[in-house]
Each structure stands twice: as structure tokens, then as C-alpha cells.
Amino acid sequence: MPLRFYNTLTQEKEIFKPIQAGQVGIYLCGPTVYRESHIGHAVGPVVFDALKRYLSFKGFKVRWVVNITDVEDKLIEEAQQQNCRVSELAERVARSYRDALAQLGVHGIDHMPKASEHITEIIAMIERLITNGYAYTSGGDVYFEVSRDDDYGKLSNRRTEDQAGQRELSSADKRSPHDFALWKASKPEEPEEVCYASPWGCGRPGWHIECSAMSMKLLGETFDIHGGGMDLIFPHHENEIAQSESCTGKPFVKYWLHNGLTRFNTKKISKSDPTMQIMLSRMTLSHLLNQYSGELLRYFILSTHYRRPIEFSDEELASRQKGLDSFYRLFERINRSVNNSPYDDHPTLHRPKFEAINEQYHEFVREMLEMRNEYLDALDDDFNTAAAISVLFKEAAAINRLMDRCQVETSTDQEARQLVLGACRSLVEDGRIIGLFLKTPAQLVKLDESLTDRLVEMLIQLRSDAKKDKHFALADRIRDELAALGVVLEDSRDGTRWRKS
């Protein structure tokens, strides 16, 4: 099956054909870094990281860009409330976000440009729009004139009359209430650090123009895939298309991919919704990653097709943990039965010719090959990771059945032992195509800090008791083992203190 994506622009599944053969450019709208990111901000990066891994697996050379919006009204407001600089707030939140993405296994981002570092490109683009007759100045502001763009609304299929609720300042000086800001004049009360010099006076860019300027600088005036949440289709992505194509006269993006929104109790998660603030404190990435492994959260996200809404709850996470644990139990069973880990790094396992395999295992091998094709077909069909993961469960069940039938734990049948090991390694390889099973279960265990502290204190007490009983070898071993774990003991008259090295 050829790789196909549902294109929001055409509202159809289309066979994927990149603009330049063998190469793919992807842009994903990143967060506005004014408050700590929640689970909803992880969905796009996890999905597109998995997509980049799959495209790379299929032989494409992929360049993936995720922006950071660090120039925006909400940043100014939040920084004033926290009595700090806008840049300080933005860097703090962005750093926390990057750390969270790393724990989620999102390692494929090639560029994370900041809006504040692309003011020159933004101004140049606005100047081109003015020259082309699509934008006009009004005092120190610059607006895009929506009525000049005959194609406006082609992504969202909305009329300009529906253009309510976008994040723009109202102005009596606009020619039409539907026009949106490309540049906003500074206000006297705003901090100097967000007042940039321009041909129209000091000010800052509008939200939409930032993404157009950054994406075109890093990926070109026309690129392959643009992604983001469905809440960005209108007005953000609609406005990106309008200003980009009016600037260059070229198609902006070939395929638009939009992920579903994250919901809690059927309500969309939003940082700006006051009623969600209590729940958001439990759904921030930093809080969740202190409770759950990054792999679980990644698995949780990929267990739903990217275009469907994700229902977030403790119950859903617990259910996903049970599913993930079933794979871990299989991996441990393999390791225990054949004394070899399915996680071991190795080249693709040498698979003997079908005819060379004992006939009693032919049906198992056929089943595994069919499921591998089913797995790849699911990913080729609009990147359906949910369906692909369901195939992984079928593979695991087939391996367990063969192990039961052959009693691998006690059998001396080396062919059966090698078959289940090879099959499980293939399952792990399949999971890794979308970024699952990158670490062993032991590497994913997260101990609560308070529990860790209590365990260290208990070992220190055991060492003290051993010294009193003159079991010096045991005392020295406890000290050395703790040192190997990065815990340094410091003995004094007042007792033993410890610190992390």
C-alpha cells in the first residue's frame, strides 16, 4: 500500500509524493511559552516524531521544524504578573518543554526557531506584502487585507464573516474587521525588550506572520507537510496560507495534517480557560513525568489515531499501562526462557529461508510475516498508529502461544527458542519504528525522590550497624555500592551525611 495522508486542504486521503524526491520538509506549530506546557502540547511533537521516524524508515531524508512563540501578548501579560522579563519567562518555560520532550522520546526535531530571533525575516515578509498590495499600514500597525485574497478560507471552508475570536487586537483603523495584524505598534506600558524597530515604528509581529517567516526560511517558500492541532486550522493556519501565498505567489504547503485535541471529561484542554486551571496543574508535562514514564505517555498518545481527540484521565493512563505491561511481561519471559534479551542491540536478525524451518513452525512464521505487513499497512494508511499498535498486540499473543505450545521455558528445542527470540526482536524493531520500546523496562522505572531518600538513609543505618558489629567488609561494600550509584557518604562526629556526586 502506498503511503497516504488525509490532507485537510483537500479533505481527502492522498498518496504522499514529496515535492523533492526522497526529501521531506515538515513544520509543526510549537507552543507559546508563557505557561508550563500540558499533555496537549505533547501530542503534536510525539505524533510527528513518530512520523519522522517512519518516513526515515521508508528511506526519506526528513527535515523537521518546531517553532517557539516567544513574542506574543500573553507572554507580556504573564511576565508582568510574575514581575520578570519576557525573555526570562520564555526561556524558563521553553527549557522545561524541551526537557519534557526529551523524556517523551522526541529526539527528531532538527530546528526549534524562536520568533524573537527572526524579526528581520518577518519585517522583510511584511514589506513584500505591502509592495504586492495585500497589506496596508495604519499608524504604527500593519494589517493583511483579507478581501484582496480570493482564496481566503480554502483550508477551513469558512467565510470571512466567521472570522471571530482570533488572537488580534481590535482597531477602528482597520479597513475591515476581518483583516488581521501583521505588525503591532508598541504601547507605552509594554516592556522595551519586546519593542522592535521597524519601518513602521517600534512594535512586534503578529502571531500568524511569525510561523510563515520561520517555516519559509528553514524549509523554503513551498514545503511538504505542515502540522498542528485542529484548533489552529482557523484562523492561524488559514492566515498563514493567505499571507504566505500572497507574498510569494506560490503554493505554501502541499499536505496539511492536523491532530485531534486533548480533552478532559469531554472538555478541550486550554491554558486560557480559568475553569481548567486546577486540572491543568495535574496535567502539566513536568507533573505527569514525575508520575509516569515518558514511554507510557508516548504510548498513550500513539494509541489513538492522530486525527481523533485524546481522552485524558487517570483511568485511561492506567489502562494504557496495563497494555504496555503486557509487552514487558513478554520481553521478560523471553529473557528468562532463552537467556537472551529481545532488547539487545543487533543487526536485523538473520532469518533462515522458509523452507529450512521445521514444518511445524511454518504457520507461525506465515502469521508473523502477515502481521508485519499489516503493521506497515496501518502506518501507510494515514499514519494509523492505533491500528499499528493493535497489530503489535497480535504479534505478542502469537509469540506467547508458540511459547506455551512448545513449553520453551523447559524445552531443549533450540529452533523453537531461536524462533521466539527472533520474533520478539522483530516485534521490538516494529515498535521502535514509531519510537516505542527504545528503553528496557528496567530503565523506565522511576522512584519517587522521597522514597529514594529513605532508601539511602536506611542503607546508611545498616552500614552504621555493621560497623558497630565489626562487619567492616559489609560496611565497606554498602559505601562502595552507594558511591557507584552516585551517592557520596561523608562521616563525621555527628554521624554520616550523604550527597549526590
Protein backbone atom coordinates (compact mmCIF):
# COMPACT_ATOMS: atom_id res chain seq x y z
CA MET A 1 0.00 0.00 0.00
CA PRO A 2 1.41 3.46 -0.86
CA LEU A 3 1.76 5.95 1.98
CA ARG A 4 -1.33 8.17 2.19
CA PHE A 5 -2.30 11.13 4.38
CA TYR A 6 -5.60 12.85 4.98
CA ASN A 7 -5.00 16.36 3.68
CA THR A 8 -7.10 18.98 5.48
CA LEU A 9 -6.74 21.25 2.44
CA THR A 10 -8.44 18.81 0.05
CA GLN A 11 -10.38 16.88 2.72
CA GLU A 12 -9.24 13.64 1.09
CA LYS A 13 -6.68 10.93 1.63
CA GLU A 14 -3.89 11.46 -0.86
CA ILE A 15 -0.89 9.39 -1.88
CA PHE A 16 2.17 11.08 -0.43
CA LYS A 17 4.53 12.45 -3.08
CA PRO A 18 7.10 14.90 -1.69
CA ILE A 19 7.98 18.00 -3.65
CA GLN A 20 11.57 16.84 -4.00
CA ALA A 21 12.02 13.09 -4.44
CA GLY A 22 13.46 11.42 -1.36
CA GLN A 23 13.29 14.53 0.84
CA VAL A 24 10.57 15.79 3.18
CA GLY A 25 10.17 19.13 4.93
CA ILE A 26 7.85 19.28 7.96
CA TYR A 27 6.78 22.26 10.06
CA LEU A 28 4.83 21.84 13.29
CA CYS A 29 3.41 24.75 15.26
CA GLY A 30 5.01 24.72 18.69
CA PRO A 31 3.87 26.29 21.97
CA THR A 32 3.51 29.88 23.08
CA VAL A 33 5.82 29.70 26.07
CA TYR A 34 4.01 31.79 28.65
CA ARG A 35 2.90 28.98 30.98
CA GLU A 36 4.09 25.46 31.60
CA SER A 37 3.10 23.07 28.85
CA HIS A 38 0.44 20.41 29.47
CA ILE A 39 -0.19 16.98 27.95
CA GLY A 40 -2.00 18.53 24.99
CA HIS A 41 1.22 20.26 23.91
CA ALA A 42 2.96 16.87 23.71
CA VAL A 43 0.54 15.33 21.21
CA GLY A 44 1.84 17.06 18.07
CA PRO A 45 5.55 16.54 18.84
CA VAL A 46 5.06 12.86 19.74
CA VAL A 47 2.96 12.17 16.63
CA PHE A 48 5.32 13.98 14.28
CA ASP A 49 8.40 12.49 15.91
CA ALA A 50 6.90 9.07 15.23
CA LEU A 51 6.05 10.18 11.69
CA LYS A 52 9.61 11.36 11.06
CA ARG A 53 10.91 8.01 12.33
CA TYR A 54 8.58 6.20 9.93
CA LEU A 55 9.45 8.39 6.96
CA SER A 56 13.14 7.82 7.73
CA PHE A 57 12.48 4.08 7.94
CA LYS A 58 10.96 4.30 4.45
CA GLY A 59 14.12 5.95 3.15
CA PHE A 60 13.20 9.64 3.15
CA LYS A 61 15.58 12.32 4.36
CA VAL A 62 13.43 14.42 6.70
CA ARG A 63 13.92 17.96 7.99
CA TRP A 64 11.54 18.79 10.84
CA VAL A 65 10.99 22.24 12.35
CA VAL A 66 9.04 23.06 15.54
CA ASN A 67 8.81 26.75 16.42
CA ILE A 68 8.78 28.51 19.77
CA THR A 69 6.46 31.52 20.02
CA ASP A 70 8.23 33.83 22.44
CA VAL A 71 6.79 37.14 21.18
CA GLU A 72 3.07 37.36 21.94
CA ASP A 73 0.58 39.31 24.04
CA LYS A 74 0.10 36.55 26.60
CA LEU A 75 3.81 36.41 27.30
CA ILE A 76 3.85 40.11 28.08
CA GLU A 77 0.87 39.79 30.41
CA GLU A 78 2.26 36.74 32.24
CA ALA A 79 5.73 38.28 32.63
CA GLN A 80 4.19 41.39 34.17
CA GLN A 81 2.21 39.25 36.62
CA GLN A 82 5.36 37.33 37.58
CA ASN A 83 7.42 40.54 37.70
CA CYS A 84 10.10 39.14 35.41
CA ARG A 85 11.50 39.80 31.96
CA VAL A 86 9.62 38.35 28.98
CA SER A 87 12.80 36.65 27.76
CA GLU A 88 13.38 35.10 31.19
CA LEU A 89 9.87 33.68 31.32
CA ALA A 90 10.07 32.40 27.74
CA GLU A 91 13.41 30.67 28.25
CA ARG A 92 12.30 29.05 31.52
CA VAL A 93 9.12 27.62 30.00
CA ALA A 94 10.84 26.61 26.74
CA ARG A 95 13.61 24.81 28.63
CA SER A 96 11.05 22.86 30.64
CA TYR A 97 9.26 21.97 27.40
CA ARG A 98 12.43 20.75 25.70
CA ASP A 99 13.31 18.63 28.75
CA ALA A 100 9.84 17.07 28.72
CA LEU A 101 10.05 16.26 25.00
CA ALA A 102 13.37 14.50 25.56
CA GLN A 103 11.76 12.28 28.21
CA LEU A 104 8.94 11.52 25.75
CA GLY A 105 11.48 10.23 23.25
CA VAL A 106 11.06 13.21 20.93
CA HIS A 107 14.57 13.43 19.52
CA GLY A 108 13.90 14.12 15.84
CA ILE A 109 13.43 17.91 15.84
CA ASP A 110 16.06 19.47 13.60
CA HIS A 111 15.32 23.14 14.36
CA MET A 112 13.42 24.94 17.13
CA PRO A 113 13.45 28.55 15.93
CA LYS A 114 12.28 31.38 18.16
CA ALA A 115 10.13 34.20 16.83
CA SER A 116 12.31 36.75 18.64
CA GLU A 117 15.32 35.63 16.58
CA HIS A 118 13.56 36.11 13.21
CA ILE A 119 12.34 39.70 13.37
CA THR A 120 14.43 40.63 10.30
CA GLU A 121 12.77 37.91 8.18
CA ILE A 122 9.32 38.87 9.49
CA ILE A 123 9.80 42.55 8.61
CA ALA A 124 11.05 41.63 5.12
CA MET A 125 7.98 39.49 4.53
CA ILE A 126 5.62 42.24 5.66
CA GLU A 127 7.36 44.69 3.32
CA ARG A 128 6.80 42.29 0.40
CA LEU A 129 3.11 42.00 1.29
CA ILE A 130 2.76 45.79 1.31
CA THR A 131 4.56 46.04 -2.04
CA ASN A 132 2.32 43.32 -3.50
CA GLY A 133 -0.78 45.22 -2.41
CA TYR A 134 -2.00 42.71 0.19
CA ALA A 135 -1.17 44.70 3.32
CA TYR A 136 -1.57 48.28 4.49
CA THR A 137 -0.29 50.47 7.31
CA SER A 138 -2.45 52.17 9.89
CA GLY A 139 -0.48 54.33 12.25
CA GLY A 140 2.22 52.02 13.58
CA ASP A 141 0.21 48.88 12.78
CA VAL A 142 0.24 46.79 9.61
CA TYR A 143 -2.73 44.65 8.55
CA PHE A 144 -3.31 41.96 5.96
CA GLU A 145 -6.29 42.88 3.78
CA VAL A 146 -8.33 39.69 3.65
CA SER A 147 -10.63 40.88 0.85
CA ARG A 148 -7.63 41.03 -1.52
CA ASP A 149 -7.14 37.25 -1.24
CA ASP A 150 -9.70 35.44 -3.40
CA ASP A 151 -8.71 32.05 -1.95
CA TYR A 152 -9.11 33.05 1.68
CA GLY A 153 -10.93 30.32 3.63
CA LYS A 154 -9.88 27.39 1.42
CA LEU A 155 -8.34 25.43 4.32
CA SER A 156 -11.16 25.81 6.85
CA ASN A 157 -14.01 26.34 4.37
CA ARG A 158 -15.13 29.31 6.44
CA ARG A 159 -16.37 32.62 5.18
CA THR A 160 -14.69 35.82 6.31
CA GLU A 161 -17.84 36.59 8.26
CA ASP A 162 -16.89 33.70 10.58
CA GLN A 163 -13.51 35.21 11.40
CA ALA A 164 -14.37 35.91 15.02
CA GLY A 165 -12.32 35.05 18.07
CA GLN A 166 -8.82 35.19 16.62
CA ARG A 167 -5.99 36.49 18.78
CA GLU A 168 -5.78 40.01 17.35
CA LEU A 169 -6.17 43.48 18.81
CA SER A 170 -9.31 45.25 17.63
CA SER A 171 -8.73 48.53 15.88
CA ALA A 172 -11.02 51.17 14.49
CA ASP A 173 -8.35 51.88 11.87
CA LYS A 174 -8.71 48.53 10.09
CA ARG A 175 -10.37 48.63 6.69
CA SER A 176 -12.36 45.53 7.59
CA PRO A 177 -12.95 43.73 10.88
CA HIS A 178 -11.70 40.57 9.12
CA ASP A 179 -8.22 41.97 8.46
CA PHE A 180 -5.53 40.59 10.78
CA ALA A 181 -2.41 42.17 12.23
CA LEU A 182 0.99 41.56 10.69
CA TRP A 183 2.71 44.15 12.91
CA LYS A 184 1.51 45.76 16.14
CA ALA A 185 2.71 49.14 17.35
CA SER A 186 4.15 49.16 20.86
CA LYS A 187 2.13 50.55 23.73
CA PRO A 188 3.69 52.86 26.33
CA GLU A 189 3.21 50.34 29.15
CA GLU A 190 4.86 47.45 27.31
CA PRO A 191 8.46 46.42 28.15
CA GLU A 192 11.19 47.74 25.93
CA GLU A 193 12.60 44.28 25.23
CA VAL A 194 9.56 43.39 23.05
CA CYS A 195 9.64 46.68 21.12
CA TYR A 196 11.47 46.03 17.87
CA ALA A 197 12.48 48.73 15.40
CA SER A 198 10.71 48.57 12.03
CA PRO A 199 9.86 50.84 9.06
CA TRP A 200 6.51 51.47 10.80
CA GLY A 201 7.93 52.35 14.19
CA CYS A 202 8.69 50.25 17.26
CA GLY A 203 6.45 47.24 17.71
CA ARG A 204 6.26 43.47 17.45
CA PRO A 205 4.98 40.94 14.91
CA GLY A 206 1.52 39.41 14.86
CA TRP A 207 1.20 35.75 15.78
CA HIS A 208 0.48 34.39 12.29
CA ILE A 209 3.33 36.07 10.41
CA GLU A 210 5.90 34.55 12.76
CA CYS A 211 5.23 30.98 11.61
CA SER A 212 5.21 31.89 7.92
CA ALA A 213 8.55 33.65 8.15
CA MET A 214 10.26 30.91 10.17
CA SER A 215 8.92 27.99 8.14
CA MET A 216 9.83 29.53 4.78
CA LYS A 217 13.31 30.45 5.96
CA LEU A 218 14.09 26.91 7.09
CA LEU A 219 12.06 24.84 4.61
CA GLY A 220 11.58 27.06 1.57
CA GLU A 221 8.67 29.00 0.13
CA THR A 222 6.84 25.74 -0.63
CA PHE A 223 7.28 22.65 1.55
CA ASP A 224 5.69 19.27 2.09
CA ILE A 225 3.88 18.97 5.42
CA HIS A 226 2.50 21.48 7.92
CA GLY A 227 1.05 20.16 11.16
CA GLY A 228 -0.68 21.37 14.27
CA GLY A 229 -3.77 20.92 16.38
CA MET A 230 -7.21 21.14 14.80
CA ASP A 231 -7.85 24.30 16.80
CA LEU A 232 -5.21 26.03 14.65
CA ILE A 233 -6.93 25.42 11.31
CA PHE A 234 -8.79 28.70 11.71
CA PRO A 235 -7.65 31.37 11.94
CA HIS A 236 -3.94 30.62 12.41
CA HIS A 237 -3.25 28.25 9.52
CA GLU A 238 -5.77 29.96 7.28
CA ASN A 239 -3.94 33.22 7.82
CA GLU A 240 -0.55 31.56 7.29
CA ILE A 241 -1.68 30.37 3.87
CA ALA A 242 -3.12 33.76 2.92
CA GLN A 243 -0.07 35.81 3.82
CA SER A 244 2.49 33.27 2.57
CA GLU A 245 0.95 32.70 -0.85
CA SER A 246 0.18 36.40 -1.28
CA CYS A 247 3.82 37.12 -0.53
CA THR A 248 5.44 34.56 -2.84
CA GLY A 249 2.77 33.78 -5.44
CA LYS A 250 3.49 30.08 -4.83
CA PRO A 251 1.62 27.27 -3.03
CA PHE A 252 2.64 27.37 0.63
CA VAL A 253 2.21 23.76 1.80
CA LYS A 254 1.29 20.58 -0.08
CA TYR A 255 -0.15 18.50 2.79
CA TRP A 256 -1.86 19.83 5.92
CA LEU A 257 -2.03 17.31 8.79
CA HIS A 258 -4.00 18.19 11.92
CA ASN A 259 -4.04 16.22 15.14
CA GLY A 260 -7.08 15.91 17.38
CA LEU A 261 -7.36 17.87 20.60
CA THR A 262 -6.79 16.57 24.11
CA ARG A 263 -9.90 16.50 26.24
CA PHE A 264 -10.60 16.01 29.93
CA ASN A 265 -14.13 14.91 30.77
CA THR A 266 -15.03 15.75 27.14
CA LYS A 267 -13.80 19.33 27.55
CA LYS A 268 -10.95 20.71 25.45
CA ILE A 269 -7.83 21.46 27.47
CA SER A 270 -6.91 25.13 27.27
CA LYS A 271 -4.37 27.15 29.23
CA SER A 272 -6.58 30.22 28.89
CA ASP A 273 -9.70 28.61 30.40
CA PRO A 274 -9.93 29.61 34.10
CA THR A 275 -12.07 26.59 34.96
CA MET A 276 -9.30 24.27 33.77
CA GLN A 277 -6.50 25.72 35.90
CA ILE A 278 -6.81 23.20 38.76
CA MET A 279 -6.90 20.28 36.34
CA LEU A 280 -4.04 21.70 34.30
CA SER A 281 -1.76 21.62 37.34
CA ARG A 282 -2.20 17.83 37.29
CA MET A 283 -1.77 17.62 33.53
CA THR A 284 1.43 19.62 33.11
CA LEU A 285 4.18 17.60 31.49
CA SER A 286 6.55 18.09 34.42
CA HIS A 287 3.95 16.77 36.87
CA LEU A 288 3.00 13.80 34.69
CA LEU A 289 6.61 12.84 34.02
CA ASN A 290 7.22 12.70 37.76
CA GLN A 291 4.44 10.11 37.99
CA TYR A 292 4.72 8.16 34.74
CA SER A 293 7.43 7.10 32.36
CA GLY A 294 7.90 9.02 29.14
CA GLU A 295 7.29 5.81 27.22
CA LEU A 296 3.86 5.36 28.81
CA LEU A 297 2.82 8.91 27.86
CA ARG A 298 4.16 8.41 24.35
CA TYR A 299 2.34 5.07 24.08
CA PHE A 300 -0.82 6.72 25.44
CA ILE A 301 -0.73 9.37 22.71
CA LEU A 302 0.07 6.95 19.87
CA SER A 303 -2.68 4.55 20.97
CA THR A 304 -5.20 6.96 19.43
CA HIS A 305 -5.25 7.82 15.73
CA TYR A 306 -3.69 11.26 15.45
CA ARG A 307 -6.81 12.88 13.94
CA ARG A 308 -9.08 11.72 16.77
CA PRO A 309 -9.45 13.52 20.13
CA ILE A 310 -7.45 12.08 23.01
CA GLU A 311 -9.46 11.50 26.17
CA PHE A 312 -7.17 12.16 29.11
CA SER A 313 -7.85 10.66 32.53
CA ASP A 314 -6.09 8.66 35.24
CA GLU A 315 -8.25 5.69 34.23
CA GLU A 316 -7.11 5.91 30.60
CA LEU A 317 -3.46 6.07 31.69
CA ALA A 318 -3.93 3.08 33.98
CA SER A 319 -5.49 1.13 31.10
CA ARG A 320 -2.59 2.02 28.80
CA GLN A 321 -0.11 0.99 31.50
CA LYS A 322 -1.70 -2.48 31.60
CA GLY A 323 -1.32 -2.74 27.84
CA LEU A 324 2.32 -1.69 27.94
CA ASP A 325 2.99 -4.08 30.82
CA SER A 326 1.78 -6.99 28.71
CA PHE A 327 4.66 -6.32 26.31
CA TYR A 328 7.11 -6.01 29.19
CA ARG A 329 5.97 -9.37 30.59
CA LEU A 330 6.60 -10.99 27.22
CA PHE A 331 10.08 -9.45 26.99
CA GLU A 332 10.90 -10.68 30.49
CA ARG A 333 9.55 -14.13 29.67
CA ILE A 334 11.77 -14.31 26.59
CA ASN A 335 14.79 -13.15 28.56
CA ARG A 336 14.13 -15.70 31.30
CA SER A 337 13.36 -18.58 28.91
CA VAL A 338 16.14 -18.29 26.34
CA ASN A 339 18.62 -16.31 28.42
CA ASN A 340 18.79 -13.60 25.77
CA SER A 341 17.17 -10.19 25.70
CA PRO A 342 14.94 -9.06 22.82
CA TYR A 343 16.28 -5.58 23.56
CA ASP A 344 19.91 -6.40 22.75
CA ASP A 345 21.28 -4.12 20.06
CA HIS A 346 21.90 -6.21 17.00
CA PRO A 347 21.71 -6.04 13.24
CA THR A 348 18.43 -7.20 11.77
CA LEU A 349 18.17 -10.81 12.85
CA HIS A 350 19.22 -13.29 10.18
CA ARG A 351 16.09 -15.11 9.15
CA PRO A 352 16.59 -18.59 7.67
CA LYS A 353 14.84 -19.46 4.43
CA PHE A 354 11.25 -20.53 4.95
CA GLU A 355 11.97 -23.99 3.54
CA ALA A 356 14.73 -24.52 6.12
CA ILE A 357 12.35 -24.01 9.06
CA ASN A 358 10.79 -27.07 10.62
CA GLU A 359 7.37 -27.60 9.07
CA GLN A 360 5.62 -27.46 12.44
CA TYR A 361 6.59 -23.78 12.69
CA HIS A 362 5.55 -22.77 9.15
CA GLU A 363 2.14 -21.46 10.23
CA PHE A 364 3.71 -19.32 12.97
CA VAL A 365 6.22 -17.80 10.54
CA ARG A 366 3.48 -17.09 7.98
CA GLU A 367 1.38 -15.44 10.68
CA MET A 368 4.25 -13.22 11.82
CA LEU A 369 5.07 -12.13 8.26
CA GLU A 370 1.42 -11.31 7.56
CA MET A 371 1.19 -9.26 10.75
CA ARG A 372 4.36 -7.35 9.84
CA ASN A 373 2.73 -6.36 6.56
CA GLU A 374 -0.48 -5.46 8.40
CA TYR A 375 1.55 -3.26 10.76
CA LEU A 376 3.19 -1.34 7.91
CA ASP A 377 -0.11 -1.08 6.03
CA ALA A 378 -1.68 0.59 9.09
CA LEU A 379 1.09 3.19 9.16
CA ASP A 380 0.78 3.74 5.41
CA ASP A 381 -2.96 4.39 5.83
CA ASP A 382 -2.91 7.96 7.16
CA PHE A 383 -0.31 7.00 9.79
CA ASN A 384 -2.74 4.98 11.90
CA THR A 385 -0.53 4.26 14.92
CA ALA A 386 -3.54 2.99 16.91
CA ALA A 387 -4.17 0.23 14.37
CA ALA A 388 -0.43 -0.48 14.17
CA ILE A 389 -0.18 -0.91 17.95
CA SER A 390 -3.13 -3.32 17.87
CA VAL A 391 -1.05 -5.43 15.46
CA LEU A 392 1.82 -5.44 17.95
CA PHE A 393 -0.58 -6.97 20.48
CA LYS A 394 -1.47 -9.67 17.94
CA GLU A 395 2.24 -10.38 17.40
CA ALA A 396 2.81 -10.65 21.15
CA ALA A 397 -0.14 -13.01 21.52
CA ALA A 398 1.17 -15.26 18.73
CA ILE A 399 4.62 -15.44 20.35
CA ASN A 400 3.12 -16.31 23.72
CA ARG A 401 1.01 -19.05 22.12
CA LEU A 402 4.06 -20.62 20.48
CA MET A 403 5.97 -20.47 23.75
CA ASP A 404 3.09 -22.20 25.53
CA ARG A 405 2.75 -24.87 22.86
CA CYS A 406 6.46 -25.62 22.77
CA GLN A 407 6.97 -25.15 26.51
CA VAL A 408 10.01 -23.05 25.67
CA GLU A 409 10.92 -22.49 29.31
CA THR A 410 11.85 -26.16 29.72
CA SER A 411 12.28 -27.30 26.13
CA THR A 412 15.62 -28.20 24.57
CA ASP A 413 14.26 -27.40 21.09
CA GLN A 414 16.78 -24.78 20.02
CA GLU A 415 14.88 -23.94 16.82
CA ALA A 416 11.77 -23.00 18.80
CA ARG A 417 13.85 -20.94 21.22
CA GLN A 418 15.52 -19.05 18.40
CA LEU A 419 12.21 -18.54 16.60
CA VAL A 420 10.54 -16.89 19.59
CA LEU A 421 13.62 -14.77 20.27
CA GLY A 422 13.77 -13.66 16.63
CA ALA A 423 10.03 -12.99 16.53
CA CYS A 424 10.18 -10.92 19.69
CA ARG A 425 13.14 -8.96 18.39
CA SER A 426 11.13 -8.24 15.25
CA LEU A 427 8.25 -7.01 17.45
CA VAL A 428 10.66 -4.68 19.26
CA GLU A 429 12.02 -3.45 15.93
CA ASP A 430 8.48 -2.73 14.74
CA GLY A 431 7.73 -0.73 17.90
CA ARG A 432 10.93 1.24 17.50
CA ILE A 433 9.81 2.38 14.05
CA ILE A 434 7.42 4.75 15.88
CA GLY A 435 9.62 5.30 18.92
CA LEU A 436 8.35 2.62 21.32
CA PHE A 437 10.50 0.10 23.23
CA LEU A 438 13.58 2.31 22.97
CA LYS A 439 14.49 1.53 26.58
CA THR A 440 14.25 -1.63 28.63
CA PRO A 441 11.53 -1.76 31.31
CA ALA A 442 14.24 -1.52 33.98
CA GLN A 443 15.45 1.77 32.51
CA LEU A 444 11.92 3.19 32.70
CA VAL A 445 11.45 2.64 36.43
CA LYS A 446 11.07 5.98 38.23
CA LEU A 447 11.42 6.08 42.01
CA ASP A 448 9.82 8.87 43.96
CA GLU A 449 12.55 11.17 45.34
CA SER A 450 11.29 10.84 48.90
CA LEU A 451 11.40 7.05 48.57
CA THR A 452 14.93 7.24 47.21
CA ASP A 453 16.00 9.40 50.14
CA ARG A 454 14.51 6.96 52.63
CA LEU A 455 16.27 4.02 50.98
CA VAL A 456 19.62 5.82 51.18
CA GLU A 457 19.04 6.65 54.84
CA MET A 458 18.14 3.01 55.54
CA LEU A 459 21.38 1.82 53.89
CA ILE A 460 23.38 4.33 55.90
CA GLN A 461 21.82 2.96 59.09
CA LEU A 462 22.61 -0.61 58.01
CA ARG A 463 26.22 0.45 57.39
CA SER A 464 26.40 2.05 60.82
CA ASP A 465 25.04 -1.11 62.46
CA ALA A 466 27.51 -3.23 60.51
CA LYS A 467 30.42 -1.11 61.72
CA LYS A 468 29.23 -1.39 65.32
CA ASP A 469 29.09 -5.19 64.95
CA LYS A 470 32.57 -5.09 63.33
CA HIS A 471 31.24 -6.33 59.98
CA PHE A 472 33.61 -3.95 58.22
CA ALA A 473 33.54 -5.75 54.88
CA LEU A 474 29.74 -5.30 54.69
CA ALA A 475 30.04 -1.64 55.73
CA ASP A 476 32.65 -1.01 53.04
CA ARG A 477 30.52 -2.75 50.43
CA ILE A 478 27.50 -0.56 51.23
CA ARG A 479 29.68 2.55 50.92
CA ASP A 480 31.18 1.39 47.62
CA GLU A 481 27.83 0.37 46.11
CA LEU A 482 26.31 3.74 47.01
CA ALA A 483 29.33 5.51 45.52
CA ALA A 484 28.83 3.56 42.28
CA LEU A 485 25.25 4.91 42.22
CA GLY A 486 26.48 8.47 42.66
CA VAL A 487 25.86 8.75 46.42
CA VAL A 488 28.86 10.00 48.41
CA LEU A 489 28.99 9.33 52.17
CA GLU A 490 30.74 11.79 54.49
CA ASP A 491 31.47 10.50 58.02
CA SER A 492 31.89 12.95 60.93
CA ARG A 493 31.49 13.04 64.71
CA ASP A 494 27.87 13.99 64.24
CA GLY A 495 27.12 10.97 62.08
CA THR A 496 27.08 10.25 58.38
CA ARG A 497 25.82 12.68 55.78
CA TRP A 498 25.31 11.97 52.11
CA ARG A 499 25.20 13.88 48.88
CA LYS A 500 24.84 13.17 45.21
CA SER A 501 28.11 13.35 43.31
